């Protein structure tokens, strides 16, 4: 009886009465705006890519949902709201805590916009940090590989950028005194990494540049990094946010290092390298300021 039934269905399919193959709805994961290599140590979520599973299958099983597709209006509105909130916090908070509160505001925005969603979304925005920020078991091997790669890229760019920056610093400030090395303290290093660089890179390069890359796909490749309007827009908003918190036109100059941070994000596929380079830039500037008598 089973053979007869299967034979009848095969004949019906050949005659067009039934489709030869029934297409299954595929839950396509959010694709990254820039190339990245998924970790071999990461374990897929149950039902995340199962043919025939509905888009909210993960949520039905208590897993994290996926975000709506980004649009230019939604993304820029999120950037405007976050910038306004951070600016207000920087003026309202006590001076000694303003930096910490601003950092927490950026992290809260990034959590709401990206980190509360599933692993595919977090990876697509370059926010995995070796799996630290993913809702999945942490792999020591994967974490070590990601950390070494981020350190290598940050060190390479620093070796290229810092020498001419040092020369420009001396020329701009007219430095004549000898340099005395006064390295930053452990507290200053931790503050630059966790309070400044991590929140800012998570929001501007993790969320904003990645979301805008999906709206305005990259069209050029610069030294191996796919770049487009998102690279410039996110850097401009980054600079605008800096000048709003401290009203001085010189603050707009951070647009240029932001271009390097954005390039690193696109070239490496994550925020690890730009995070480290961002902190290194701030610490290098601090070291130069402390190392010369004039200390601007």
Foldseek 3Di string as FASTA:
>chain_A
DVVVVVVVVVVCCVVVVDPPDDAFDWQDFDAALFDADDDPPFDDDVPNGDTNQDQCNQVVVVHFHDDDQFAPVVLVVLLVVLLVVLLVLLVPPDVVCSLQVSLVSLVVSLCVQALSGAPSRQLSLQNCCLPPSHPGDGDPVSNVVSLVVLVVLLVVVCVVPVVVVLVVVCVVVVFDFDFDFDADDPVLLCCLLRRNLVSLCSRLRRPQLRSVCSHVPFDDADPQFRDDPSLQVSLQSVLVSQCSNPVDVVSSVSSVVSSVQNRCCRRHSHNSNSSVNSSVVVRSLQRRLVGGPVSD
